């Protein structure tokens, strides 16, 4: 066999092996890595295993669809609720508000991980105030532990991986269904598919504290 052809053939075999390993990878490992990233306050690992913007953009879209429901709106400060309603109904205004929501929420999540707050580290009270501060005023900063990972179910977009998050801040559990996809050989959490159910759960929790 010609040397150049042999090199091409071997390179092709290596690529096939790598592709096969990607297909054989257990998507639950992605969620295990997310758990490790939170416990170890490892932002880079978290971002490697979670497409933060994709997850948050979808979450914001669902949240804005739900904001007009009285049972949710009553738990949001009036001026903030009005702003969110405008974002949901006015495309021109909504684009900038959605971007603000994305920026603020991303910062809240990544700071919670980087600071170690979501790993259980006790932090001094922050004095930072922003336009969306009321939205996070009652958010738990306690440790977030992934205590259970279920069997992955293959779907047209990837795999649905169920997992349970225990929040030590409010001592409650949240059952999450995450969409994991293989992106260029890397397994990543791309979307939370049961957001409506989670929002409903949080609404019920809010009633108990009112």
N, C-alpha and C. Protein backbone atom coordinates (compact mmCIF):
# COMPACT_ATOMS: atom_id res chain seq x y z
N UNK A 1 0.86 -1.20 0.00
CA UNK A 1 0.00 0.00 0.00
C UNK A 1 0.89 1.24 0.00
N UNK A 2 0.54 2.21 -0.82
CA UNK A 2 1.31 3.44 -0.90
C UNK A 2 1.34 4.12 0.47
N UNK A 3 2.48 4.72 0.84
CA UNK A 3 2.65 5.29 2.17
C UNK A 3 1.59 6.35 2.48
N UNK A 4 1.35 7.25 1.52
CA UNK A 4 0.37 8.33 1.74
C UNK A 4 -1.02 7.76 1.95
N UNK A 5 -1.34 6.71 1.18
CA UNK A 5 -2.65 6.08 1.31
C UNK A 5 -2.78 5.39 2.66
N UNK A 6 -1.68 4.76 3.12
CA UNK A 6 -1.68 4.09 4.41
C UNK A 6 -1.93 5.09 5.54
N UNK A 7 -1.28 6.26 5.47
CA UNK A 7 -1.46 7.30 6.49
C UNK A 7 -2.91 7.78 6.51
N UNK A 8 -3.47 7.99 5.32
CA UNK A 8 -4.86 8.43 5.22
C UNK A 8 -5.81 7.39 5.82
N UNK A 9 -5.53 6.13 5.51
CA UNK A 9 -6.38 5.03 5.99
C UNK A 9 -6.32 4.94 7.52
N UNK A 10 -5.10 5.03 8.09
CA UNK A 10 -4.96 4.95 9.54
C UNK A 10 -5.61 6.14 10.23
N UNK A 11 -5.49 7.32 9.61
CA UNK A 11 -6.11 8.51 10.17
C UNK A 11 -7.62 8.35 10.21
N UNK A 12 -8.16 7.75 9.13
CA UNK A 12 -9.60 7.52 9.04
C UNK A 12 -10.06 6.56 10.13
N UNK A 13 -9.24 5.52 10.39
CA UNK A 13 -9.58 4.56 11.44
C UNK A 13 -9.60 5.24 12.81
N UNK A 14 -8.64 6.14 13.05
CA UNK A 14 -8.59 6.85 14.33
C UNK A 14 -9.83 7.70 14.51
N UNK A 15 -10.25 8.39 13.45
CA UNK A 15 -11.45 9.22 13.50
C UNK A 15 -12.68 8.37 13.80
N UNK A 16 -12.75 7.20 13.16
CA UNK A 16 -13.88 6.31 13.39
C UNK A 16 -13.92 5.84 14.84
N UNK A 17 -12.74 5.53 15.39
CA UNK A 17 -12.67 5.09 16.78
C UNK A 17 -13.12 6.20 17.72
N UNK A 18 -12.69 7.44 17.43
CA UNK A 18 -13.09 8.56 18.27
C UNK A 18 -14.59 8.78 18.18
N UNK A 19 -15.14 8.67 16.98
CA UNK A 19 -16.57 8.85 16.78
C UNK A 19 -17.34 7.77 17.51
N UNK A 20 -16.81 6.55 17.43
CA UNK A 20 -17.46 5.45 18.13
C UNK A 20 -17.46 5.64 19.63
N UNK A 21 -16.36 6.17 20.16
CA UNK A 21 -16.29 6.43 21.59
C UNK A 21 -17.30 7.47 22.02
N UNK A 22 -17.52 8.49 21.14
CA UNK A 22 -18.50 9.52 21.44
C UNK A 22 -19.89 8.93 21.51
N UNK A 23 -20.19 8.04 20.54
CA UNK A 23 -21.51 7.44 20.51
C UNK A 23 -21.72 6.52 21.71
N UNK A 24 -20.64 5.89 22.15
CA UNK A 24 -20.75 4.94 23.24
C UNK A 24 -20.74 5.62 24.61
N UNK A 25 -20.39 6.92 24.63
CA UNK A 25 -20.28 7.63 25.90
C UNK A 25 -21.63 7.66 26.61
N UNK A 26 -21.59 7.46 27.91
CA UNK A 26 -22.81 7.48 28.71
C UNK A 26 -23.17 8.94 28.99
N UNK A 27 -24.33 9.41 28.52
CA UNK A 27 -24.71 10.82 28.73
C UNK A 27 -24.85 11.18 30.20
N UNK A 28 -25.00 10.18 31.07
CA UNK A 28 -25.08 10.47 32.50
C UNK A 28 -23.77 11.05 33.03
N UNK A 29 -22.67 10.74 32.33
CA UNK A 29 -21.36 11.26 32.74
C UNK A 29 -21.38 12.79 32.69
N UNK A 30 -22.12 13.34 31.73
CA UNK A 30 -22.23 14.80 31.61
C UNK A 30 -22.79 15.38 32.91
N UNK A 31 -23.85 14.78 33.43
CA UNK A 31 -24.47 15.27 34.65
C UNK A 31 -23.58 15.03 35.86
N UNK A 32 -22.84 13.91 35.84
CA UNK A 32 -21.88 13.65 36.92
C UNK A 32 -20.81 14.74 36.96
N UNK A 33 -20.37 15.16 35.77
CA UNK A 33 -19.37 16.24 35.70
C UNK A 33 -19.95 17.57 36.18
N UNK A 34 -21.23 17.80 35.87
CA UNK A 34 -21.89 19.02 36.35
C UNK A 34 -21.90 19.02 37.87
N UNK A 35 -22.25 17.87 38.45
CA UNK A 35 -22.26 17.75 39.91
C UNK A 35 -20.88 18.03 40.50
N UNK A 36 -19.85 17.48 39.86
CA UNK A 36 -18.48 17.69 40.33
C UNK A 36 -18.08 19.16 40.21
N UNK A 37 -18.49 19.79 39.12
CA UNK A 37 -18.15 21.21 38.91
C UNK A 37 -18.75 22.08 40.00
N UNK A 38 -20.00 21.78 40.39
CA UNK A 38 -20.65 22.55 41.46
C UNK A 38 -19.94 22.31 42.78
N UNK A 39 -19.68 21.05 43.10
CA UNK A 39 -19.04 20.70 44.38
C UNK A 39 -17.63 21.29 44.50
N UNK A 40 -16.93 21.38 43.36
CA UNK A 40 -15.54 21.84 43.38
C UNK A 40 -15.40 23.32 42.99
N UNK A 41 -16.54 24.00 42.82
CA UNK A 41 -16.53 25.42 42.42
C UNK A 41 -15.70 25.63 41.16
N UNK A 42 -15.86 24.71 40.22
CA UNK A 42 -15.08 24.72 38.97
C UNK A 42 -15.95 25.27 37.84
N UNK A 43 -15.86 26.57 37.61
CA UNK A 43 -16.68 27.22 36.58
C UNK A 43 -16.35 26.71 35.19
N UNK A 44 -15.07 26.49 34.91
CA UNK A 44 -14.68 26.07 33.57
C UNK A 44 -15.24 24.69 33.24
N UNK A 45 -15.19 23.78 34.19
CA UNK A 45 -15.77 22.45 33.98
C UNK A 45 -17.29 22.58 33.79
N UNK A 46 -17.92 23.44 34.59
CA UNK A 46 -19.37 23.64 34.47
C UNK A 46 -19.72 24.13 33.07
N UNK A 47 -18.99 25.12 32.58
CA UNK A 47 -19.28 25.67 31.24
C UNK A 47 -18.96 24.67 30.14
N UNK A 48 -18.02 23.76 30.40
CA UNK A 48 -17.69 22.73 29.42
C UNK A 48 -18.80 21.71 29.30
N UNK A 49 -19.54 21.48 30.37
CA UNK A 49 -20.58 20.46 30.38
C UNK A 49 -21.99 21.04 30.27
N UNK A 50 -22.12 22.37 30.42
CA UNK A 50 -23.43 23.02 30.30
C UNK A 50 -23.31 24.17 29.32
N UNK A 51 -24.18 24.18 28.31
CA UNK A 51 -24.27 25.35 27.43
C UNK A 51 -25.13 26.36 28.18
N UNK A 52 -24.47 27.18 28.97
CA UNK A 52 -25.17 28.07 29.90
C UNK A 52 -26.16 28.98 29.18
N UNK A 53 -25.72 29.60 28.10
CA UNK A 53 -26.60 30.53 27.39
C UNK A 53 -27.80 29.81 26.78
N UNK A 54 -27.58 28.62 26.21
CA UNK A 54 -28.68 27.87 25.60
C UNK A 54 -29.71 27.48 26.66
N UNK A 55 -29.24 27.01 27.81
CA UNK A 55 -30.15 26.62 28.89
C UNK A 55 -30.92 27.83 29.40
N UNK A 56 -30.22 28.95 29.62
CA UNK A 56 -30.87 30.12 30.18
C UNK A 56 -31.81 30.80 29.19
N UNK A 57 -31.44 30.85 27.91
CA UNK A 57 -32.33 31.46 26.92
C UNK A 57 -33.65 30.72 26.85
N UNK A 58 -33.58 29.40 26.88
CA UNK A 58 -34.81 28.60 26.87
C UNK A 58 -35.61 28.83 28.15
N UNK A 59 -34.92 28.88 29.28
CA UNK A 59 -35.59 29.10 30.57
C UNK A 59 -36.27 30.46 30.60
N UNK A 60 -35.59 31.48 30.08
CA UNK A 60 -36.16 32.83 30.05
C UNK A 60 -37.39 32.88 29.16
N UNK A 61 -37.32 32.20 28.02
CA UNK A 61 -38.47 32.16 27.12
C UNK A 61 -39.69 31.54 27.81
N UNK A 62 -39.48 30.42 28.49
CA UNK A 62 -40.57 29.76 29.20
C UNK A 62 -41.09 30.64 30.33
N UNK A 63 -40.18 31.28 31.07
CA UNK A 63 -40.57 32.14 32.18
C UNK A 63 -41.43 33.31 31.69
N UNK A 64 -41.05 33.92 30.57
CA UNK A 64 -41.81 35.04 30.03
C UNK A 64 -43.18 34.60 29.53
N UNK A 65 -43.27 33.36 29.08
CA UNK A 65 -44.57 32.84 28.66
C UNK A 65 -45.49 32.63 29.86
N UNK A 66 -44.88 32.37 31.01
CA UNK A 66 -45.65 32.07 32.21
C UNK A 66 -45.98 33.32 33.04
N UNK A 67 -45.29 34.45 32.77
CA UNK A 67 -45.36 35.61 33.66
C UNK A 67 -46.76 36.22 33.73
N UNK A 68 -47.58 36.05 32.70
CA UNK A 68 -48.92 36.62 32.72
C UNK A 68 -49.89 35.81 33.58
N UNK A 69 -49.50 34.65 34.02
CA UNK A 69 -50.38 33.85 34.87
C UNK A 69 -50.39 34.45 36.28
N UNK A 70 -51.58 34.73 36.80
CA UNK A 70 -51.69 35.40 38.11
C UNK A 70 -50.90 34.71 39.22
N UNK A 71 -50.89 33.37 39.21
CA UNK A 71 -50.23 32.65 40.29
C UNK A 71 -48.72 32.87 40.30
N UNK A 72 -48.15 33.26 39.16
CA UNK A 72 -46.72 33.57 39.12
C UNK A 72 -46.49 35.06 39.32
N UNK A 73 -47.31 35.89 38.67
CA UNK A 73 -47.12 37.34 38.72
C UNK A 73 -47.20 37.89 40.14
N UNK A 74 -48.02 37.27 41.00
CA UNK A 74 -48.19 37.79 42.35
C UNK A 74 -46.94 37.66 43.20
N UNK A 75 -45.99 36.83 42.75
CA UNK A 75 -44.75 36.64 43.51
C UNK A 75 -43.61 37.50 42.98
N UNK A 76 -43.90 38.37 41.98
CA UNK A 76 -42.89 39.24 41.39
C UNK A 76 -43.24 40.68 41.71
N UNK A 77 -42.28 41.51 42.16
CA UNK A 77 -42.55 42.93 42.45
C UNK A 77 -43.25 43.60 41.26
N UNK A 78 -44.26 44.47 41.51
CA UNK A 78 -45.10 45.03 40.44
C UNK A 78 -44.34 45.66 39.28
N UNK A 79 -43.35 46.51 39.58
CA UNK A 79 -42.62 47.17 38.50
C UNK A 79 -41.83 46.16 37.67
N UNK A 80 -41.26 45.17 38.34
CA UNK A 80 -40.52 44.14 37.63
C UNK A 80 -41.46 43.27 36.80
N UNK A 81 -42.64 42.97 37.35
CA UNK A 81 -43.62 42.18 36.61
C UNK A 81 -44.06 42.92 35.35
N UNK A 82 -44.25 44.24 35.46
CA UNK A 82 -44.65 45.04 34.29
C UNK A 82 -43.56 45.00 33.22
N UNK A 83 -42.30 45.11 33.64
CA UNK A 83 -41.20 45.06 32.70
C UNK A 83 -41.14 43.71 31.99
N UNK A 84 -41.36 42.64 32.74
CA UNK A 84 -41.32 41.30 32.17
C UNK A 84 -42.50 41.07 31.22
N UNK A 85 -43.66 41.64 31.55
CA UNK A 85 -44.81 41.52 30.67
C UNK A 85 -44.54 42.24 29.34
N UNK A 86 -43.89 43.38 29.41
CA UNK A 86 -43.53 44.11 28.19
C UNK A 86 -42.55 43.29 27.35
N UNK A 87 -41.64 42.61 28.01
CA UNK A 87 -40.68 41.77 27.29
C UNK A 87 -41.38 40.64 26.58
N UNK A 88 -42.47 40.14 27.20
CA UNK A 88 -43.19 39.02 26.62
C UNK A 88 -44.10 39.44 25.47
N UNK A 89 -44.57 40.69 25.50
CA UNK A 89 -45.57 41.13 24.52
C UNK A 89 -45.03 42.05 23.43
N UNK A 90 -43.90 42.68 23.69
CA UNK A 90 -43.35 43.66 22.74
C UNK A 90 -41.98 43.19 22.27
N UNK A 91 -41.89 42.81 21.03
CA UNK A 91 -40.66 42.23 20.51
C UNK A 91 -39.50 43.22 20.56
N UNK A 92 -39.78 44.48 20.21
CA UNK A 92 -38.72 45.49 20.18
C UNK A 92 -38.16 45.74 21.58
N UNK A 93 -39.07 45.90 22.55
CA UNK A 93 -38.64 46.10 23.94
C UNK A 93 -38.09 44.80 24.52
N UNK A 94 -38.74 43.70 24.14
CA UNK A 94 -38.40 42.41 24.71
C UNK A 94 -36.97 41.97 24.47
N UNK A 95 -36.41 42.29 23.31
CA UNK A 95 -35.06 41.83 22.98
C UNK A 95 -34.04 42.34 24.00
N UNK A 96 -34.13 43.61 24.34
CA UNK A 96 -33.16 44.18 25.28
C UNK A 96 -33.40 43.66 26.70
N UNK A 97 -34.68 43.46 27.06
CA UNK A 97 -34.98 42.95 28.39
C UNK A 97 -34.54 41.49 28.53
N UNK A 98 -34.75 40.71 27.46
CA UNK A 98 -34.31 39.31 27.50
C UNK A 98 -32.80 39.23 27.63
N UNK A 99 -32.09 40.14 26.95
CA UNK A 99 -30.64 40.15 27.04
C UNK A 99 -30.21 40.52 28.46
N UNK A 100 -30.92 41.47 29.07
CA UNK A 100 -30.62 41.85 30.45
C UNK A 100 -30.87 40.67 31.40
N UNK A 101 -31.99 39.98 31.18
CA UNK A 101 -32.29 38.80 31.98
C UNK A 101 -31.20 37.74 31.84
N UNK A 102 -30.77 37.53 30.60
CA UNK A 102 -29.72 36.53 30.35
C UNK A 102 -28.43 36.92 31.07
N UNK A 103 -28.03 38.17 30.96
CA UNK A 103 -26.79 38.63 31.57
C UNK A 103 -26.83 38.50 33.09
N UNK A 104 -27.94 38.95 33.69
CA UNK A 104 -28.07 38.92 35.15
C UNK A 104 -28.16 37.48 35.67
N UNK A 105 -28.92 36.64 34.97
CA UNK A 105 -29.10 35.27 35.43
C UNK A 105 -27.81 34.47 35.27
N UNK A 106 -27.13 34.68 34.14
CA UNK A 106 -25.83 34.01 33.94
C UNK A 106 -24.86 34.38 35.05
N UNK A 107 -24.81 35.67 35.38
CA UNK A 107 -23.90 36.13 36.43
C UNK A 107 -24.26 35.50 37.78
N UNK A 108 -25.57 35.42 38.06
CA UNK A 108 -26.02 34.83 39.33
C UNK A 108 -25.59 33.37 39.43
N UNK A 109 -25.79 32.61 38.35
CA UNK A 109 -25.46 31.18 38.36
C UNK A 109 -23.96 30.96 38.46
N UNK A 110 -23.20 31.64 37.59
CA UNK A 110 -21.75 31.41 37.57
C UNK A 110 -21.08 31.94 38.83
N UNK A 111 -21.59 33.05 39.37
CA UNK A 111 -21.03 33.55 40.64
C UNK A 111 -21.34 32.58 41.78
N UNK A 112 -22.52 31.98 41.74
CA UNK A 112 -22.88 31.00 42.77
C UNK A 112 -21.95 29.81 42.76
N UNK A 113 -21.51 29.42 41.55
CA UNK A 113 -20.58 28.30 41.43
C UNK A 113 -19.16 28.73 41.80
N UNK A 114 -18.68 29.82 41.18
CA UNK A 114 -17.30 30.26 41.38
C UNK A 114 -17.02 30.62 42.84
N UNK A 115 -18.00 31.20 43.51
CA UNK A 115 -17.80 31.63 44.90
C UNK A 115 -17.81 30.46 45.87
N UNK A 116 -18.32 29.31 45.40
CA UNK A 116 -18.46 28.16 46.29
C UNK A 116 -19.77 28.15 47.05
N UNK A 117 -20.63 29.16 46.82
CA UNK A 117 -21.92 29.22 47.52
C UNK A 117 -22.77 28.00 47.21
N UNK A 118 -22.77 27.57 45.95
CA UNK A 118 -23.59 26.42 45.57
C UNK A 118 -22.95 25.10 46.02
N UNK A 119 -21.72 25.19 46.54
CA UNK A 119 -21.06 24.01 47.11
C UNK A 119 -21.19 24.00 48.63
N UNK A 120 -21.87 25.01 49.17
CA UNK A 120 -22.10 25.06 50.61
C UNK A 120 -21.23 26.03 51.37
N UNK A 121 -20.41 26.81 50.66
CA UNK A 121 -19.54 27.77 51.34
C UNK A 121 -20.37 28.94 51.84
N UNK A 122 -20.16 29.33 53.07
CA UNK A 122 -20.86 30.47 53.66
C UNK A 122 -20.22 31.77 53.19
N UNK A 123 -21.06 32.66 52.66
CA UNK A 123 -20.57 33.93 52.14
C UNK A 123 -21.13 35.08 52.94
N UNK A 124 -20.37 36.18 52.96
CA UNK A 124 -20.90 37.40 53.58
C UNK A 124 -21.93 38.00 52.66
N UNK A 125 -22.85 38.77 53.19
CA UNK A 125 -23.91 39.37 52.37
C UNK A 125 -23.31 40.33 51.36
N UNK A 126 -23.80 40.23 50.12
CA UNK A 126 -23.34 41.12 49.07
C UNK A 126 -24.13 42.41 49.09
N UNK A 127 -23.46 43.50 48.80
CA UNK A 127 -24.14 44.80 48.77
C UNK A 127 -24.48 45.21 47.35
N UNK A 128 -24.16 44.38 46.38
CA UNK A 128 -24.43 44.73 44.99
C UNK A 128 -25.93 44.76 44.73
N UNK A 129 -26.36 45.81 44.03
CA UNK A 129 -27.76 45.97 43.70
C UNK A 129 -27.87 46.21 42.19
N UNK A 130 -28.83 45.55 41.57
CA UNK A 130 -29.05 45.73 40.14
C UNK A 130 -30.53 45.84 39.86
N UNK A 131 -30.86 46.12 38.62
CA UNK A 131 -32.26 46.29 38.23
C UNK A 131 -33.08 45.05 38.53
N UNK A 132 -32.46 43.87 38.39
CA UNK A 132 -33.19 42.62 38.58
C UNK A 132 -32.93 41.99 39.94
N UNK A 133 -32.33 42.75 40.85
CA UNK A 133 -32.05 42.22 42.19
C UNK A 133 -33.29 41.61 42.85
N UNK A 134 -34.48 42.26 42.75
CA UNK A 134 -35.67 41.66 43.39
C UNK A 134 -36.01 40.27 42.87
N UNK A 135 -35.64 39.99 41.63
CA UNK A 135 -35.95 38.69 41.04
C UNK A 135 -35.18 37.57 41.74
N UNK A 136 -34.00 37.90 42.29
CA UNK A 136 -33.17 36.90 42.94
C UNK A 136 -33.18 37.04 44.47
N UNK A 137 -34.01 37.96 44.97
CA UNK A 137 -33.98 38.28 46.40
C UNK A 137 -34.25 37.05 47.27
N UNK A 138 -35.17 36.21 46.82
CA UNK A 138 -35.55 35.04 47.62
C UNK A 138 -34.92 33.75 47.12
N UNK A 139 -34.00 33.87 46.17
CA UNK A 139 -33.36 32.67 45.63
C UNK A 139 -32.42 32.07 46.67
N UNK A 140 -32.47 30.77 46.80
CA UNK A 140 -31.62 30.09 47.77
C UNK A 140 -30.17 30.08 47.31
N UNK A 141 -29.28 30.45 48.22
CA UNK A 141 -27.84 30.38 47.94
C UNK A 141 -27.20 29.18 48.63
N UNK A 142 -28.04 28.27 49.10
CA UNK A 142 -27.51 27.09 49.76
C UNK A 142 -26.87 26.12 48.77
N UNK A 143 -26.24 25.11 49.33
CA UNK A 143 -25.58 24.10 48.51
C UNK A 143 -26.58 23.42 47.59
N UNK A 144 -26.17 23.20 46.33
CA UNK A 144 -26.98 22.48 45.35
C UNK A 144 -26.28 21.15 45.06
N UNK A 145 -26.89 20.06 45.51
CA UNK A 145 -26.27 18.75 45.31
C UNK A 145 -27.12 17.89 44.38
N UNK A 146 -26.50 17.35 43.35
CA UNK A 146 -27.19 16.38 42.50
C UNK A 146 -27.11 15.03 43.19
N UNK A 147 -28.23 14.60 43.74
CA UNK A 147 -28.24 13.42 44.61
C UNK A 147 -28.64 12.14 43.89
N UNK A 148 -29.16 12.29 42.70
CA UNK A 148 -29.60 11.09 41.97
C UNK A 148 -29.59 11.37 40.47
N UNK A 149 -29.08 10.42 39.70
CA UNK A 149 -29.08 10.52 38.24
C UNK A 149 -29.74 9.25 37.69
N UNK A 150 -30.80 9.43 36.92
CA UNK A 150 -31.54 8.29 36.40
C UNK A 150 -30.99 7.79 35.08
N UNK A 151 -31.68 6.85 34.50
CA UNK A 151 -31.27 6.26 33.23
C UNK A 151 -31.57 7.23 32.08
N UNK A 152 -30.63 7.33 31.16
CA UNK A 152 -30.80 8.21 30.00
C UNK A 152 -31.74 7.58 28.99
N UNK A 153 -32.63 8.39 28.44
CA UNK A 153 -33.55 7.95 27.41
C UNK A 153 -33.21 8.66 26.11
N UNK A 154 -32.89 7.88 25.07
CA UNK A 154 -32.53 8.50 23.80
C UNK A 154 -33.75 9.14 23.17
N UNK A 155 -33.55 10.30 22.54
CA UNK A 155 -34.61 11.02 21.85
C UNK A 155 -34.02 11.58 20.57
N UNK A 156 -34.85 12.13 19.67
CA UNK A 156 -34.32 12.63 18.39
C UNK A 156 -33.22 13.68 18.54
N UNK A 157 -33.25 14.47 19.64
CA UNK A 157 -32.27 15.54 19.82
C UNK A 157 -31.04 15.12 20.64
N UNK A 158 -31.07 13.92 21.20
CA UNK A 158 -29.96 13.48 22.06
C UNK A 158 -30.45 12.50 23.09
N UNK A 159 -30.31 12.86 24.37
CA UNK A 159 -30.77 12.01 25.47
C UNK A 159 -31.47 12.88 26.52
N UNK A 160 -32.53 12.36 27.07
CA UNK A 160 -33.14 12.98 28.25
C UNK A 160 -32.57 12.26 29.47
N UNK A 161 -31.90 13.02 30.32
CA UNK A 161 -31.30 12.45 31.53
C UNK A 161 -31.99 13.06 32.75
N UNK A 162 -32.73 12.24 33.49
CA UNK A 162 -33.38 12.76 34.71
C UNK A 162 -32.40 12.79 35.88
N UNK A 163 -32.46 13.85 36.66
CA UNK A 163 -31.63 13.92 37.87
C UNK A 163 -32.35 14.75 38.92
N UNK A 164 -31.96 14.54 40.16
CA UNK A 164 -32.60 15.20 41.29
C UNK A 164 -31.58 16.12 41.96
N UNK A 165 -31.99 17.37 42.15
CA UNK A 165 -31.14 18.35 42.84
C UNK A 165 -31.72 18.61 44.23
N UNK A 166 -30.88 18.45 45.24
CA UNK A 166 -31.30 18.78 46.61
C UNK A 166 -30.69 20.13 46.97
N UNK A 167 -31.58 21.06 47.38
CA UNK A 167 -31.15 22.40 47.76
C UNK A 167 -31.08 22.47 49.28
N UNK A 168 -29.86 22.60 49.82
CA UNK A 168 -29.69 22.67 51.27
C UNK A 168 -30.16 24.00 51.83
N UNK A 169 -30.37 25.00 50.96
CA UNK A 169 -30.84 26.29 51.43
C UNK A 169 -32.28 26.25 51.88
N UNK A 170 -33.13 25.54 51.14
CA UNK A 170 -34.54 25.44 51.53
C UNK A 170 -34.96 24.01 51.86
N UNK A 171 -33.99 23.08 51.81
CA UNK A 171 -34.21 21.67 52.15
C UNK A 171 -35.30 21.03 51.29
N UNK A 172 -35.25 21.33 50.00
CA UNK A 172 -36.22 20.78 49.05
C UNK A 172 -35.51 20.12 47.89
N UNK A 173 -36.22 19.18 47.26
CA UNK A 173 -35.68 18.47 46.09
C UNK A 173 -36.38 18.94 44.81
N UNK A 174 -35.62 18.93 43.73
CA UNK A 174 -36.16 19.31 42.43
C UNK A 174 -35.81 18.22 41.41
N UNK A 175 -36.82 17.65 40.81
CA UNK A 175 -36.60 16.62 39.78
C UNK A 175 -36.47 17.30 38.42
N UNK A 176 -35.33 17.12 37.80
CA UNK A 176 -35.00 17.82 36.56
C UNK A 176 -34.84 16.83 35.43
N UNK A 177 -35.39 17.15 34.27
CA UNK A 177 -35.15 16.38 33.05
C UNK A 177 -34.29 17.22 32.12
N UNK A 178 -33.04 16.79 31.95
CA UNK A 178 -32.10 17.56 31.13
C UNK A 178 -31.88 16.94 29.77
N UNK A 179 -31.82 17.79 28.75
CA UNK A 179 -31.49 17.33 27.40
C UNK A 179 -29.97 17.41 27.23
N UNK A 180 -29.35 16.25 27.03
CA UNK A 180 -27.90 16.18 26.81
C UNK A 180 -27.65 15.87 25.34
N UNK A 181 -26.76 16.62 24.72
CA UNK A 181 -26.42 16.41 23.32
C UNK A 181 -24.93 16.21 23.16
N UNK A 182 -24.57 15.55 22.07
CA UNK A 182 -23.16 15.37 21.72
C UNK A 182 -22.79 16.46 20.73
N UNK A 183 -22.04 17.45 21.18
CA UNK A 183 -21.64 18.57 20.33
C UNK A 183 -20.15 18.49 20.03
N UNK A 184 -19.85 18.12 18.80
CA UNK A 184 -18.44 18.02 18.38
C UNK A 184 -17.62 17.13 19.32
N UNK A 185 -18.24 16.01 19.72
CA UNK A 185 -17.52 15.06 20.55
C UNK A 185 -17.58 15.33 22.03
N UNK A 186 -18.30 16.38 22.43
CA UNK A 186 -18.41 16.73 23.85
C UNK A 186 -19.86 16.69 24.28
N UNK A 187 -20.14 15.92 25.33
CA UNK A 187 -21.49 15.84 25.86
C UNK A 187 -21.79 17.09 26.68
N UNK A 188 -22.93 17.74 26.38
CA UNK A 188 -23.28 18.97 27.09
C UNK A 188 -24.76 19.00 27.40
N UNK A 189 -25.09 19.56 28.55
CA UNK A 189 -26.47 19.81 28.91
C UNK A 189 -26.93 21.05 28.15
N UNK A 190 -28.00 20.90 27.35
CA UNK A 190 -28.43 21.97 26.46
C UNK A 190 -29.75 22.62 26.87
N UNK A 191 -30.58 21.89 27.60
CA UNK A 191 -31.91 22.43 27.91
C UNK A 191 -32.53 21.65 29.06
N UNK A 192 -33.35 22.33 29.83
CA UNK A 192 -34.17 21.69 30.86
C UNK A 192 -35.57 21.54 30.26
N UNK A 193 -36.02 20.32 30.09
CA UNK A 193 -37.25 20.10 29.31
C UNK A 193 -38.52 20.13 30.16
N UNK A 194 -38.40 20.12 31.48
CA UNK A 194 -39.60 20.14 32.33
C UNK A 194 -39.70 21.43 33.13
N UNK A 195 -39.37 22.54 32.49
CA UNK A 195 -39.35 23.83 33.18
C UNK A 195 -40.72 24.23 33.73
N UNK A 196 -41.77 23.96 32.95
CA UNK A 196 -43.11 24.34 33.41
C UNK A 196 -43.44 23.68 34.74
N UNK A 197 -43.09 22.39 34.86
CA UNK A 197 -43.35 21.67 36.11
C UNK A 197 -42.52 22.26 37.25
N UNK A 198 -41.29 22.64 36.98
CA UNK A 198 -40.43 23.22 38.01
C UNK A 198 -40.96 24.58 38.46
N UNK A 199 -41.43 25.39 37.49
CA UNK A 199 -41.99 26.70 37.83
C UNK A 199 -43.22 26.52 38.71
N UNK A 200 -44.07 25.55 38.36
CA UNK A 200 -45.27 25.26 39.15
C UNK A 200 -44.88 24.84 40.58
N UNK A 201 -43.83 24.04 40.70
CA UNK A 201 -43.37 23.61 42.02
C UNK A 201 -42.91 24.80 42.84
N UNK A 202 -42.14 25.70 42.21
CA UNK A 202 -41.63 26.87 42.91
C UNK A 202 -42.77 27.79 43.33
N UNK A 203 -43.82 27.89 42.50
CA UNK A 203 -45.00 28.68 42.85
C UNK A 203 -45.66 28.15 44.10
N UNK A 204 -45.80 26.82 44.18
CA UNK A 204 -46.41 26.20 45.35
C UNK A 204 -45.56 26.45 46.60
N UNK A 205 -44.25 26.40 46.42
CA UNK A 205 -43.35 26.67 47.56
C UNK A 205 -43.51 28.11 48.05
N UNK A 206 -43.65 29.04 47.08
CA UNK A 206 -43.78 30.46 47.44
C UNK A 206 -45.02 30.71 48.28
N UNK A 207 -46.10 29.97 48.01
CA UNK A 207 -47.34 30.13 48.78
C UNK A 207 -47.12 29.80 50.25
N UNK A 208 -46.24 28.85 50.51
CA UNK A 208 -46.01 28.42 51.89
C UNK A 208 -45.27 29.48 52.71
N UNK A 209 -44.56 30.37 51.99
CA UNK A 209 -43.77 31.38 52.70
C UNK A 209 -44.47 32.73 52.74
N UNK A 210 -45.67 32.81 52.13
CA UNK A 210 -46.41 34.06 52.13
C UNK A 210 -47.44 34.09 53.28
